[in-house]
N, C-alpha and C. Protein backbone atom coordinates (compact mmCIF):
# COMPACT_ATOMS: atom_id res chain seq x y z
N MET A 1 247.38 168.12 282.88
CA MET A 1 246.37 168.96 282.27
C MET A 1 245.05 168.28 282.54
N ARG A 2 243.99 169.10 282.88
CA ARG A 2 242.65 168.44 283.22
C ARG A 2 241.96 168.07 281.74
N GLU A 3 241.23 166.95 281.88
CA GLU A 3 240.39 166.52 280.76
C GLU A 3 239.17 167.30 280.70
N ALA A 4 238.71 167.59 279.58
CA ALA A 4 237.45 168.43 279.33
C ALA A 4 236.30 167.64 279.55
N ARG A 5 235.28 168.31 280.22
CA ARG A 5 234.04 167.52 280.53
C ARG A 5 233.21 167.19 279.31
N LEU A 6 233.22 168.16 278.45
CA LEU A 6 232.59 168.03 277.11
C LEU A 6 233.44 168.27 275.94
N THR A 7 232.94 167.79 274.85
CA THR A 7 233.68 168.14 273.71
C THR A 7 233.43 169.53 273.19
N GLU A 8 234.23 170.07 272.27
CA GLU A 8 234.09 171.48 271.89
C GLU A 8 232.67 171.56 271.06
N HIS A 9 232.37 170.61 270.33
CA HIS A 9 231.04 170.45 269.63
C HIS A 9 229.93 170.41 270.65
N GLN A 10 229.91 169.71 271.69
CA GLN A 10 228.87 169.72 272.64
C GLN A 10 228.78 171.14 273.28
N ASN A 11 229.86 171.79 273.72
CA ASN A 11 229.78 173.18 274.09
C ASN A 11 229.13 174.06 273.24
N ILE A 12 229.41 174.04 271.93
CA ILE A 12 228.84 174.85 270.88
C ILE A 12 227.33 174.59 270.85
N VAL A 13 226.90 173.39 270.77
CA VAL A 13 225.45 173.05 270.65
C VAL A 13 224.76 173.59 271.95
N VAL A 14 225.34 173.28 273.09
CA VAL A 14 224.73 173.75 274.32
C VAL A 14 224.46 175.31 274.39
N ILE A 15 225.51 176.16 273.93
CA ILE A 15 225.32 177.45 274.04
C ILE A 15 224.25 177.97 272.91
N LYS A 16 224.40 177.45 271.75
CA LYS A 16 223.36 177.96 270.66
C LYS A 16 222.01 177.49 271.13
N LEU A 17 221.73 176.38 271.74
CA LEU A 17 220.39 176.13 272.17
C LEU A 17 220.00 177.00 273.40
N ALA A 18 220.83 177.21 274.32
CA ALA A 18 220.52 178.14 275.39
C ALA A 18 220.16 179.39 274.96
N GLU A 19 220.94 179.94 274.03
CA GLU A 19 220.57 181.17 273.59
C GLU A 19 219.24 181.23 272.75
N ALA A 20 218.65 180.11 272.26
CA ALA A 20 217.49 179.98 271.58
C ALA A 20 216.39 179.73 272.51
N ARG A 21 216.66 179.74 273.95
CA ARG A 21 215.78 179.54 275.03
C ARG A 21 215.11 178.19 275.00
N ARG A 22 215.92 177.15 274.65
CA ARG A 22 215.35 175.84 274.78
C ARG A 22 215.48 175.26 276.29
N THR A 23 214.62 174.30 276.65
CA THR A 23 214.71 173.73 277.92
C THR A 23 215.91 172.92 278.16
N VAL A 24 216.30 172.75 279.50
CA VAL A 24 217.51 172.00 279.69
C VAL A 24 217.39 170.62 279.14
N LYS A 25 216.18 170.03 279.37
CA LYS A 25 215.99 168.60 278.89
C LYS A 25 216.21 168.51 277.32
N ASP A 26 215.72 169.44 276.60
CA ASP A 26 215.87 169.38 275.18
C ASP A 26 217.22 169.59 274.68
N ILE A 27 218.07 170.50 275.49
CA ILE A 27 219.49 170.76 275.22
C ILE A 27 220.31 169.52 275.47
N PHE A 28 220.05 168.80 276.57
CA PHE A 28 220.78 167.63 276.83
C PHE A 28 220.51 166.53 275.78
N GLN A 29 219.29 166.38 275.43
CA GLN A 29 218.96 165.37 274.47
C GLN A 29 219.60 165.68 272.96
N GLU A 30 219.64 166.89 272.61
CA GLU A 30 220.27 167.25 271.33
C GLU A 30 221.80 167.13 271.33
N ALA A 31 222.27 167.51 272.52
CA ALA A 31 223.79 167.51 272.64
C ALA A 31 224.39 166.16 273.13
N VAL A 32 223.42 165.23 273.34
CA VAL A 32 223.73 163.99 273.77
C VAL A 32 224.58 163.89 275.05
N ILE A 33 223.97 164.49 276.13
CA ILE A 33 224.65 164.75 277.53
C ILE A 33 223.65 164.30 278.44
N SER A 34 224.07 163.65 279.47
CA SER A 34 223.34 163.01 280.55
C SER A 34 222.87 164.20 281.47
N GLU A 35 221.68 164.28 281.98
CA GLU A 35 221.22 165.16 282.94
C GLU A 35 222.00 165.03 284.24
N LEU A 36 222.43 163.80 284.48
CA LEU A 36 223.41 163.61 285.65
C LEU A 36 224.67 164.29 285.57
N THR A 37 225.20 164.42 284.30
CA THR A 37 226.39 165.13 284.22
C THR A 37 226.32 166.61 284.67
N ASP A 38 225.17 167.31 284.27
CA ASP A 38 224.83 168.61 284.82
C ASP A 38 224.92 168.77 286.26
N TYR A 39 224.24 167.68 286.81
CA TYR A 39 224.08 167.64 288.34
C TYR A 39 225.47 167.59 289.02
N ILE A 40 226.31 166.39 288.43
CA ILE A 40 227.47 166.24 289.07
C ILE A 40 228.50 167.49 289.01
N TYR A 41 228.46 168.11 287.82
CA TYR A 41 229.42 169.18 287.59
C TYR A 41 228.79 170.60 287.97
N GLY A 42 227.81 170.50 288.69
CA GLY A 42 227.40 171.80 289.48
C GLY A 42 226.51 172.71 288.60
N HIS A 43 225.55 172.23 287.75
CA HIS A 43 224.72 172.98 286.88
C HIS A 43 225.35 173.99 286.17
N TRP A 44 226.26 173.67 285.28
CA TRP A 44 227.10 174.45 284.52
C TRP A 44 226.35 175.20 283.44
N ILE A 45 225.11 175.02 283.18
CA ILE A 45 224.27 175.71 282.29
C ILE A 45 223.55 176.79 283.10
N SER A 46 223.79 178.14 282.84
CA SER A 46 223.22 179.23 283.71
C SER A 46 221.74 179.09 283.73
N PRO A 47 221.11 179.06 285.04
CA PRO A 47 219.74 178.97 285.18
C PRO A 47 219.05 180.23 284.56
N HIS A 48 219.58 181.40 284.40
CA HIS A 48 218.89 182.47 283.78
C HIS A 48 218.97 182.37 282.19
N LEU A 49 219.57 181.51 281.61
CA LEU A 49 219.59 181.27 280.19
C LEU A 49 218.47 180.41 279.70
N VAL A 50 218.15 179.47 280.54
CA VAL A 50 217.02 178.38 280.10
C VAL A 50 216.16 178.15 281.29
N SER A 51 214.92 177.78 280.91
CA SER A 51 213.99 177.44 281.88
C SER A 51 214.16 175.78 282.06
N ARG A 52 213.98 175.43 283.32
CA ARG A 52 214.12 173.94 283.72
C ARG A 52 212.66 173.38 283.73
């Protein structure tokens, strides 16, 4: 079984902040995620949900 990239809590935080139209930088700071993680895993936050 493959290990999850983010915890369930981080996924929930990211979704709620993206729906609130927060910037990617703000989302990563609040969810304690490295922007490098987003780059490595192929920009998993939909670009149409948030502005970079």
